[in-house]
């Protein structure tokens, strides 16, 4: 199995208010803390921020928080939490990735990741879809709260409560869209789907169709309404047809699974 989600890819989701990018900022943090341990101060302890700033030619104001106050840049805090969750360099053959794969599919088909906070929200309108999200959260190792479950005419919402913003960043690295999907012209399915096993592709397809598909009383086909660019509908239809091994077509505003394709997902 393959390993995906590199530390660099995760860190690059941050936008620090500095003159350098998030990955370079993290390298500066590592250099500074290492130098502080190696260069002894006048009392024999770690060297302070002034000495490290001169030694590395870095802004003292930046180093003061790290060296003198024991702080860490936000990307480092996030990376540590992502490592603790088992989400960095995750094996695609693991149960953790199985859950991540389902949650990525959920974002595409019934959810969103907020642009300003990276927190994911999942919306479902059936008990089966709810059970699927809950099980996925269990595989990934996060806790959640459920809202609006008993409100008629309103979708049930699942909000991740532990490391939600960290999980959201991980999902975006995997290819989940950040922010509003309907207005994006560049929306496309994740690249990793081309390199994972059939069971993961089926799992993604099953989650997608469960959320978006409409069944009919008079026929066995399933219709997905997609008010998104035609290129995206064509891509989803092609993915479903290749994954299910049965006919799936895309139209002006819909994707239609043939009866045989729908039966594969039952």
C-alpha atoms as a PDB file:
ATOM      1  CA  UNK A   1       0.000   0.000   0.000  1.00  0.00           C
ATOM      2  CA  UNK A   2       1.094   3.587  -0.528  1.00  0.00           C
ATOM      3  CA  UNK A   3       1.820   6.308   2.023  1.00  0.00           C
ATOM      4  CA  UNK A   4       0.270   9.745   1.509  1.00  0.00           C
ATOM      5  CA  UNK A   5      -0.140  13.123   3.257  1.00  0.00           C
ATOM      6  CA  UNK A   6       3.390  14.405   3.742  1.00  0.00           C
ATOM      7  CA  UNK A   7       4.287  16.787   6.579  1.00  0.00           C
ATOM      8  CA  UNK A   8       5.118  19.471   3.998  1.00  0.00           C
ATOM      9  CA  UNK A   9       1.747  19.137   2.232  1.00  0.00           C
ATOM     10  CA  UNK A  10      -0.043  19.485   5.571  1.00  0.00           C
ATOM     11  CA  UNK A  11       2.021  22.451   6.744  1.00  0.00           C
ATOM     12  CA  UNK A  12       1.444  24.261   3.439  1.00  0.00           C
ATOM     13  CA  UNK A  13      -2.257  24.589   4.337  1.00  0.00           C
ATOM     14  CA  UNK A  14      -1.272  27.303   6.849  1.00  0.00           C
ATOM     15  CA  UNK A  15      -0.893  30.998   6.031  1.00  0.00           C
ATOM     16  CA  UNK A  16       1.352  32.545   8.700  1.00  0.00           C
ATOM     17  CA  UNK A  17       1.536  36.307   8.966  1.00  0.00           C
ATOM     18  CA  UNK A  18       5.258  36.347   8.188  1.00  0.00           C
ATOM     19  CA  UNK A  19       7.586  37.190   5.313  1.00  0.00           C
ATOM     20  CA  UNK A  20       8.200  33.483   4.686  1.00  0.00           C
ATOM     21  CA  UNK A  21       5.929  30.567   3.847  1.00  0.00           C
ATOM     22  CA  UNK A  22       4.728  28.032   6.432  1.00  0.00           C
ATOM     23  CA  UNK A  23       7.247  25.311   5.545  1.00  0.00           C
ATOM     24  CA  UNK A  24      10.206  27.710   5.641  1.00  0.00           C
ATOM     25  CA  UNK A  25       8.916  29.112   8.932  1.00  0.00           C
ATOM     26  CA  UNK A  26       8.906  25.611  10.380  1.00  0.00           C
ATOM     27  CA  UNK A  27      12.477  25.008   9.213  1.00  0.00           C
ATOM     28  CA  UNK A  28      13.493  28.228  10.965  1.00  0.00           C
ATOM     29  CA  UNK A  29      11.822  26.993  14.144  1.00  0.00           C
ATOM     30  CA  UNK A  30      13.723  23.700  13.971  1.00  0.00           C
ATOM     31  CA  UNK A  31      17.023  25.485  13.290  1.00  0.00           C
ATOM     32  CA  UNK A  32      16.464  27.942  16.118  1.00  0.00           C
ATOM     33  CA  UNK A  33      15.524  25.380  18.776  1.00  0.00           C
ATOM     34  CA  UNK A  34      18.429  23.144  17.749  1.00  0.00           C
ATOM     35  CA  UNK A  35      20.877  26.053  17.883  1.00  0.00           C
ATOM     36  CA  UNK A  36      19.524  27.113  21.274  1.00  0.00           C
ATOM     37  CA  UNK A  37      20.283  23.658  22.660  1.00  0.00           C
ATOM     38  CA  UNK A  38      23.756  23.514  21.080  1.00  0.00           C
ATOM     39  CA  UNK A  39      24.903  27.040  21.909  1.00  0.00           C
ATOM     40  CA  UNK A  40      25.140  27.497  25.641  1.00  0.00           C
ATOM     41  CA  UNK A  41      24.326  30.803  27.290  1.00  0.00           C
ATOM     42  CA  UNK A  42      26.363  32.559  29.971  1.00  0.00           C
ATOM     43  CA  UNK A  43      24.794  30.493  32.745  1.00  0.00           C
ATOM     44  CA  UNK A  44      25.382  27.206  30.956  1.00  0.00           C
ATOM     45  CA  UNK A  45      21.761  26.876  29.892  1.00  0.00           C
ATOM     46  CA  UNK A  46      20.228  27.192  26.440  1.00  0.00           C
ATOM     47  CA  UNK A  47      21.212  30.230  24.409  1.00  0.00           C
ATOM     48  CA  UNK A  48      18.638  33.025  24.332  1.00  0.00           C
ATOM     49  CA  UNK A  49      16.823  34.586  21.407  1.00  0.00           C
ATOM     50  CA  UNK A  50      19.322  37.456  20.963  1.00  0.00           C
ATOM     51  CA  UNK A  51      22.256  35.110  20.468  1.00  0.00           C
ATOM     52  CA  UNK A  52      20.269  32.800  18.179  1.00  0.00           C
ATOM     53  CA  UNK A  53      19.012  35.729  16.101  1.00  0.00           C
ATOM     54  CA  UNK A  54      22.604  36.871  15.533  1.00  0.00           C
ATOM     55  CA  UNK A  55      23.838  33.347  14.883  1.00  0.00           C
ATOM     56  CA  UNK A  56      21.128  32.484  12.313  1.00  0.00           C
ATOM     57  CA  UNK A  57      20.455  36.009  11.017  1.00  0.00           C
ATOM     58  CA  UNK A  58      16.762  35.731  11.836  1.00  0.00           C
ATOM     59  CA  UNK A  59      14.379  38.300  13.389  1.00  0.00           C
ATOM     60  CA  UNK A  60      14.655  38.272  17.160  1.00  0.00           C
ATOM     61  CA  UNK A  61      10.963  39.115  17.547  1.00  0.00           C
ATOM     62  CA  UNK A  62      10.137  35.810  15.854  1.00  0.00           C
ATOM     63  CA  UNK A  63      12.644  33.826  17.900  1.00  0.00           C
ATOM     64  CA  UNK A  64      11.679  35.359  21.247  1.00  0.00           C
ATOM     65  CA  UNK A  65       8.371  33.470  21.332  1.00  0.00           C
ATOM     66  CA  UNK A  66      10.087  30.186  20.459  1.00  0.00           C
ATOM     67  CA  UNK A  67      13.314  30.431  22.454  1.00  0.00           C
ATOM     68  CA  UNK A  68      12.558  32.643  25.452  1.00  0.00           C
ATOM     69  CA  UNK A  69       8.868  31.804  25.922  1.00  0.00           C
ATOM     70  CA  UNK A  70       8.858  28.157  24.789  1.00  0.00           C
ATOM     71  CA  UNK A  71       6.208  28.740  22.143  1.00  0.00           C
ATOM     72  CA  UNK A  72       5.742  27.055  18.774  1.00  0.00           C
ATOM     73  CA  UNK A  73       4.488  28.299  15.406  1.00  0.00           C
ATOM     74  CA  UNK A  74       0.924  27.299  14.542  1.00  0.00           C
ATOM     75  CA  UNK A  75       2.023  24.869  11.787  1.00  0.00           C
ATOM     76  CA  UNK A  76       4.105  22.968  14.348  1.00  0.00           C
ATOM     77  CA  UNK A  77       1.187  22.703  16.775  1.00  0.00           C
ATOM     78  CA  UNK A  78      -1.015  21.433  13.954  1.00  0.00           C
ATOM     79  CA  UNK A  79       1.574  18.988  12.653  1.00  0.00           C
ATOM     80  CA  UNK A  80       1.991  17.477  16.109  1.00  0.00           C
ATOM     81  CA  UNK A  81      -1.772  16.978  16.424  1.00  0.00           C
ATOM     82  CA  UNK A  82      -1.978  15.471  12.933  1.00  0.00           C
ATOM     83  CA  UNK A  83       0.849  13.067  13.778  1.00  0.00           C
ATOM     84  CA  UNK A  84      -0.930  12.141  17.024  1.00  0.00           C
ATOM     85  CA  UNK A  85      -4.060  11.324  15.030  1.00  0.00           C
ATOM     86  CA  UNK A  86      -2.098   9.049  12.715  1.00  0.00           C
ATOM     87  CA  UNK A  87      -3.016  11.199   9.712  1.00  0.00           C
ATOM     88  CA  UNK A  88       0.475  12.137   8.487  1.00  0.00           C
ATOM     89  CA  UNK A  89       2.066   9.645   6.079  1.00  0.00           C
ATOM     90  CA  UNK A  90      -0.976   7.440   6.549  1.00  0.00           C
ATOM     91  CA  UNK A  91      -1.004   4.023   4.892  1.00  0.00           C
ATOM     92  CA  UNK A  92      -3.815   3.756   2.361  1.00  0.00           C
ATOM     93  CA  UNK A  93      -4.344   0.184   3.517  1.00  0.00           C
ATOM     94  CA  UNK A  94      -5.145   1.223   7.087  1.00  0.00           C
ATOM     95  CA  UNK A  95      -8.523   1.593   8.741  1.00  0.00           C
ATOM     96  CA  UNK A  96      -7.633   5.225   9.446  1.00  0.00           C
ATOM     97  CA  UNK A  97      -7.383   5.927   5.735  1.00  0.00           C
ATOM     98  CA  UNK A  98     -10.645   4.068   5.153  1.00  0.00           C
ATOM     99  CA  UNK A  99     -12.321   6.616   7.397  1.00  0.00           C
ATOM    100  CA  UNK A 100     -10.514   9.558   5.794  1.00  0.00           C
ATOM    101  CA  UNK A 101     -11.544   8.367   2.338  1.00  0.00           C
ATOM    102  CA  UNK A 102     -15.209   8.241   3.369  1.00  0.00           C
ATOM    103  CA  UNK A 103     -15.036  11.701   4.925  1.00  0.00           C
ATOM    104  CA  UNK A 104     -13.502  13.155   1.770  1.00  0.00           C
ATOM    105  CA  UNK A 105     -16.404  11.644  -0.181  1.00  0.00           C
ATOM    106  CA  UNK A 106     -18.782  13.110   2.388  1.00  0.00           C
ATOM    107  CA  UNK A 107     -17.366  16.610   1.882  1.00  0.00           C
ATOM    108  CA  UNK A 108     -17.957  16.296  -1.864  1.00  0.00           C
ATOM    109  CA  UNK A 109     -21.469  14.933  -1.526  1.00  0.00           C
ATOM    110  CA  UNK A 110     -22.852  16.314   1.727  1.00  0.00           C
ATOM    111  CA  UNK A 111     -20.566  18.587   3.665  1.00  0.00           C
ATOM    112  CA  UNK A 112     -18.227  21.539   3.664  1.00  0.00           C
ATOM    113  CA  UNK A 113     -14.900  22.671   5.086  1.00  0.00           C
ATOM    114  CA  UNK A 114     -15.074  26.280   6.250  1.00  0.00           C
ATOM    115  CA  UNK A 115     -12.547  28.501   4.505  1.00  0.00           C
ATOM    116  CA  UNK A 116     -11.625  30.590   7.539  1.00  0.00           C
ATOM    117  CA  UNK A 117     -11.298  27.826  10.144  1.00  0.00           C
ATOM    118  CA  UNK A 118     -10.830  24.590   8.162  1.00  0.00           C
ATOM    119  CA  UNK A 119     -13.499  22.984  10.325  1.00  0.00           C
ATOM    120  CA  UNK A 120     -15.522  20.291   8.514  1.00  0.00           C
ATOM    121  CA  UNK A 121     -19.296  19.997   8.725  1.00  0.00           C
ATOM    122  CA  UNK A 122     -21.195  17.000   7.392  1.00  0.00           C
ATOM    123  CA  UNK A 123     -24.896  17.016   6.479  1.00  0.00           C
ATOM    124  CA  UNK A 124     -26.963  13.855   5.990  1.00  0.00           C
ATOM    125  CA  UNK A 125     -30.640  13.146   5.352  1.00  0.00           C
ATOM    126  CA  UNK A 126     -30.880   9.446   6.141  1.00  0.00           C
ATOM    127  CA  UNK A 127     -30.016   7.111   8.995  1.00  0.00           C
ATOM    128  CA  UNK A 128     -27.725   5.108   6.707  1.00  0.00           C
ATOM    129  CA  UNK A 129     -25.741   8.212   5.786  1.00  0.00           C
ATOM    130  CA  UNK A 130     -25.556   9.270   9.448  1.00  0.00           C
ATOM    131  CA  UNK A 131     -24.294   5.830  10.486  1.00  0.00           C
ATOM    132  CA  UNK A 132     -21.667   6.018   7.763  1.00  0.00           C
ATOM    133  CA  UNK A 133     -20.298   9.372   8.955  1.00  0.00           C
ATOM    134  CA  UNK A 134     -20.345   8.250  12.587  1.00  0.00           C
ATOM    135  CA  UNK A 135     -18.447   5.067  11.701  1.00  0.00           C
ATOM    136  CA  UNK A 136     -15.937   7.090   9.685  1.00  0.00           C
ATOM    137  CA  UNK A 137     -15.296   9.400  12.637  1.00  0.00           C
ATOM    138  CA  UNK A 138     -14.637   6.319  14.730  1.00  0.00           C
ATOM    139  CA  UNK A 139     -12.111   4.978  12.222  1.00  0.00           C
ATOM    140  CA  UNK A 140     -10.347   8.340  12.072  1.00  0.00           C
ATOM    141  CA  UNK A 141     -10.386   8.697  15.857  1.00  0.00           C
ATOM    142  CA  UNK A 142     -12.333  11.931  16.382  1.00  0.00           C
ATOM    143  CA  UNK A 143     -15.317  12.828  18.530  1.00  0.00           C
ATOM    144  CA  UNK A 144     -18.310  14.718  17.204  1.00  0.00           C
ATOM    145  CA  UNK A 145     -21.618  16.352  18.054  1.00  0.00           C
ATOM    146  CA  UNK A 146     -24.879  15.782  16.180  1.00  0.00           C
ATOM    147  CA  UNK A 147     -27.310  18.638  15.521  1.00  0.00           C
ATOM    148  CA  UNK A 148     -30.883  18.890  14.155  1.00  0.00           C
ATOM    149  CA  UNK A 149     -31.408  15.123  14.218  1.00  0.00           C
ATOM    150  CA  UNK A 150     -35.056  15.460  15.235  1.00  0.00           C
ATOM    151  CA  UNK A 151     -35.973  18.491  13.132  1.00  0.00           C
ATOM    152  CA  UNK A 152     -38.342  17.606  10.290  1.00  0.00           C
ATOM    153  CA  UNK A 153     -37.330  18.968   6.928  1.00  0.00           C
ATOM    154  CA  UNK A 154     -33.787  19.794   7.998  1.00  0.00           C
ATOM    155  CA  UNK A 155     -30.618  17.788   7.375  1.00  0.00           C
ATOM    156  CA  UNK A 156     -28.851  16.253  10.343  1.00  0.00           C
ATOM    157  CA  UNK A 157     -25.458  17.877  10.897  1.00  0.00           C
ATOM    158  CA  UNK A 158     -22.319  16.255  12.295  1.00  0.00           C
ATOM    159  CA  UNK A 159     -19.593  18.524  13.632  1.00  0.00           C
ATOM    160  CA  UNK A 160     -16.174  17.194  14.608  1.00  0.00           C
ATOM    161  CA  UNK A 161     -15.244  18.379  18.110  1.00  0.00           C
ATOM    162  CA  UNK A 162     -11.713  16.998  18.563  1.00  0.00           C
ATOM    163  CA  UNK A 163      -9.043  18.500  16.301  1.00  0.00           C
ATOM    164  CA  UNK A 164     -11.685  19.467  13.765  1.00  0.00           C
ATOM    165  CA  UNK A 165      -9.548  22.154  12.133  1.00  0.00           C
ATOM    166  CA  UNK A 166      -6.621  19.727  11.923  1.00  0.00           C
ATOM    167  CA  UNK A 167      -8.798  17.055  10.324  1.00  0.00           C
ATOM    168  CA  UNK A 168     -10.155  19.617   7.873  1.00  0.00           C
ATOM    169  CA  UNK A 169      -6.634  20.453   6.734  1.00  0.00           C
ATOM    170  CA  UNK A 170      -5.881  16.758   6.274  1.00  0.00           C
ATOM    171  CA  UNK A 171      -9.016  16.313   4.165  1.00  0.00           C
ATOM    172  CA  UNK A 172      -8.059  19.262   1.947  1.00  0.00           C
ATOM    173  CA  UNK A 173      -4.592  17.789   1.408  1.00  0.00           C
ATOM    174  CA  UNK A 174      -6.332  14.631   0.205  1.00  0.00           C
ATOM    175  CA  UNK A 175      -8.314  16.713  -2.272  1.00  0.00           C
ATOM    176  CA  UNK A 176     -11.513  17.672  -0.468  1.00  0.00           C
ATOM    177  CA  UNK A 177     -12.692  21.134  -1.578  1.00  0.00           C
ATOM    178  CA  UNK A 178     -12.236  24.054   0.787  1.00  0.00           C
ATOM    179  CA  UNK A 179     -15.223  26.378   1.075  1.00  0.00           C
ATOM    180  CA  UNK A 180     -18.216  26.642  -1.252  1.00  0.00           C
ATOM    181  CA  UNK A 181     -18.327  23.934  -3.933  1.00  0.00           C
ATOM    182  CA  UNK A 182     -21.160  25.097  -6.182  1.00  0.00           C
ATOM    183  CA  UNK A 183     -19.389  28.236  -7.379  1.00  0.00           C
ATOM    184  CA  UNK A 184     -16.032  26.600  -8.118  1.00  0.00           C
ATOM    185  CA  UNK A 185     -15.004  26.050 -11.722  1.00  0.00           C
ATOM    186  CA  UNK A 186     -11.975  23.937 -10.772  1.00  0.00           C
ATOM    187  CA  UNK A 187     -13.827  21.287  -8.754  1.00  0.00           C
ATOM    188  CA  UNK A 188     -12.466  17.784  -9.372  1.00  0.00           C
ATOM    189  CA  UNK A 189     -12.285  14.444  -7.610  1.00  0.00           C
ATOM    190  CA  UNK A 190      -9.157  13.605  -5.561  1.00  0.00           C
ATOM    191  CA  UNK A 191      -6.110  12.371  -7.457  1.00  0.00           C
ATOM    192  CA  UNK A 192      -5.447   9.618  -4.916  1.00  0.00           C
ATOM    193  CA  UNK A 193      -8.488   7.706  -6.190  1.00  0.00           C
ATOM    194  CA  UNK A 194      -6.403   6.690  -9.215  1.00  0.00           C
ATOM    195  CA  UNK A 195      -3.897   4.866  -7.001  1.00  0.00           C
ATOM    196  CA  UNK A 196      -5.907   3.091  -4.302  1.00  0.00           C
ATOM    197  CA  UNK A 197      -7.575  -0.287  -4.131  1.00  0.00           C
ATOM    198  CA  UNK A 198     -10.971  -1.099  -5.573  1.00  0.00           C
ATOM    199  CA  UNK A 199     -12.594  -1.382  -2.150  1.00  0.00           C
ATOM    200  CA  UNK A 200     -11.660   2.250  -1.377  1.00  0.00           C
ATOM    201  CA  UNK A 201     -13.002   3.429  -4.720  1.00  0.00           C
ATOM    202  CA  UNK A 202     -16.234   1.548  -4.051  1.00  0.00           C
ATOM    203  CA  UNK A 203     -16.423   3.045  -0.578  1.00  0.00           C
ATOM    204  CA  UNK A 204     -16.039   6.538  -2.018  1.00  0.00           C
ATOM    205  CA  UNK A 205     -18.678   5.827  -4.662  1.00  0.00           C
ATOM    206  CA  UNK A 206     -21.084   4.349  -2.122  1.00  0.00           C
ATOM    207  CA  UNK A 207     -20.797   7.404   0.149  1.00  0.00           C
ATOM    208  CA  UNK A 208     -21.235   9.801  -2.757  1.00  0.00           C
ATOM    209  CA  UNK A 209     -24.304   8.082  -4.185  1.00  0.00           C
ATOM    210  CA  UNK A 210     -25.850   7.540  -0.756  1.00  0.00           C
ATOM    211  CA  UNK A 211     -25.829  11.297  -0.191  1.00  0.00           C
ATOM    212  CA  UNK A 212     -26.590  12.557  -3.683  1.00  0.00           C
ATOM    213  CA  UNK A 213     -28.552   9.803  -5.387  1.00  0.00           C
ATOM    214  CA  UNK A 214     -32.324   9.809  -5.868  1.00  0.00           C
ATOM    215  CA  UNK A 215     -34.168   6.536  -6.373  1.00  0.00           C
ATOM    216  CA  UNK A 216     -37.364   6.173  -8.410  1.00  0.00           C
ATOM    217  CA  UNK A 217     -40.501   4.143  -7.755  1.00  0.00           C
ATOM    218  CA  UNK A 218     -41.009   3.244 -11.397  1.00  0.00           C
ATOM    219  CA  UNK A 219     -37.445   2.370 -12.418  1.00  0.00           C
ATOM    220  CA  UNK A 220     -34.249   0.963 -10.948  1.00  0.00           C
ATOM    221  CA  UNK A 221     -31.908   3.713 -12.081  1.00  0.00           C
ATOM    222  CA  UNK A 222     -30.448   6.282  -9.668  1.00  0.00           C
ATOM    223  CA  UNK A 223     -30.190   9.970 -10.520  1.00  0.00           C
ATOM    224  CA  UNK A 224     -27.720  12.435  -9.024  1.00  0.00           C
ATOM    225  CA  UNK A 225     -28.556  16.117  -9.415  1.00  0.00           C
ATOM    226  CA  UNK A 226     -25.367  18.145  -9.811  1.00  0.00           C
ATOM    227  CA  UNK A 227     -25.530  21.893 -10.332  1.00  0.00           C
ATOM    228  CA  UNK A 228     -21.826  21.982 -11.046  1.00  0.00           C
ATOM    229  CA  UNK A 229     -19.652  22.355 -14.166  1.00  0.00           C
ATOM    230  CA  UNK A 230     -20.201  19.791 -16.935  1.00  0.00           C
ATOM    231  CA  UNK A 231     -16.546  18.784 -16.754  1.00  0.00           C
ATOM    232  CA  UNK A 232     -17.050  17.785 -13.131  1.00  0.00           C
ATOM    233  CA  UNK A 233     -20.221  15.801 -13.900  1.00  0.00           C
ATOM    234  CA  UNK A 234     -18.366  14.003 -16.683  1.00  0.00           C
ATOM    235  CA  UNK A 235     -15.513  13.184 -14.306  1.00  0.00           C
ATOM    236  CA  UNK A 236     -17.828  11.801 -11.625  1.00  0.00           C
ATOM    237  CA  UNK A 237     -19.745   9.737 -14.177  1.00  0.00           C
ATOM    238  CA  UNK A 238     -16.511   8.317 -15.578  1.00  0.00           C
ATOM    239  CA  UNK A 239     -15.256   7.489 -12.086  1.00  0.00           C
ATOM    240  CA  UNK A 240     -18.494   5.737 -11.155  1.00  0.00           C
ATOM    241  CA  UNK A 241     -18.646   3.797 -14.418  1.00  0.00           C
ATOM    242  CA  UNK A 242     -15.044   2.621 -14.104  1.00  0.00           C
ATOM    243  CA  UNK A 243     -15.470   1.741 -10.435  1.00  0.00           C
ATOM    244  CA  UNK A 244     -18.828  -0.017 -10.755  1.00  0.00           C
ATOM    245  CA  UNK A 245     -18.156  -1.637 -14.109  1.00  0.00           C
ATOM    246  CA  UNK A 246     -21.595  -0.638 -15.376  1.00  0.00           C
ATOM    247  CA  UNK A 247     -23.052   2.216 -17.418  1.00  0.00           C
ATOM    248  CA  UNK A 248     -23.157   5.669 -15.847  1.00  0.00           C
ATOM    249  CA  UNK A 249     -23.977   8.759 -17.922  1.00  0.00           C
ATOM    250  CA  UNK A 250     -23.796  12.522 -17.361  1.00  0.00           C
ATOM    251  CA  UNK A 251     -26.295  15.072 -18.647  1.00  0.00           C
ATOM    252  CA  UNK A 252     -26.900  18.796 -18.474  1.00  0.00           C
ATOM    253  CA  UNK A 253     -27.572  18.804 -14.735  1.00  0.00           C
ATOM    254  CA  UNK A 254     -27.584  15.142 -13.687  1.00  0.00           C
ATOM    255  CA  UNK A 255     -25.593  11.936 -13.480  1.00  0.00           C
ATOM    256  CA  UNK A 256     -27.553   8.729 -14.049  1.00  0.00           C
ATOM    257  CA  UNK A 257     -26.568   5.302 -12.791  1.00  0.00           C
ATOM    258  CA  UNK A 258     -28.028   2.456 -14.800  1.00  0.00           C
ATOM    259  CA  UNK A 259     -29.962  -0.205 -12.923  1.00  0.00           C
ATOM    260  CA  UNK A 260     -26.961  -2.527 -13.114  1.00  0.00           C
ATOM    261  CA  UNK A 261     -24.655   0.163 -11.745  1.00  0.00           C
ATOM    262  CA  UNK A 262     -27.051   0.915  -8.893  1.00  0.00           C
ATOM    263  CA  UNK A 263     -27.229  -2.769  -7.963  1.00  0.00           C
ATOM    264  CA  UNK A 264     -23.440  -2.904  -7.475  1.00  0.00           C
ATOM    265  CA  UNK A 265     -23.826  -0.445  -4.600  1.00  0.00           C
ATOM    266  CA  UNK A 266     -26.643  -2.316  -2.872  1.00  0.00           C
END
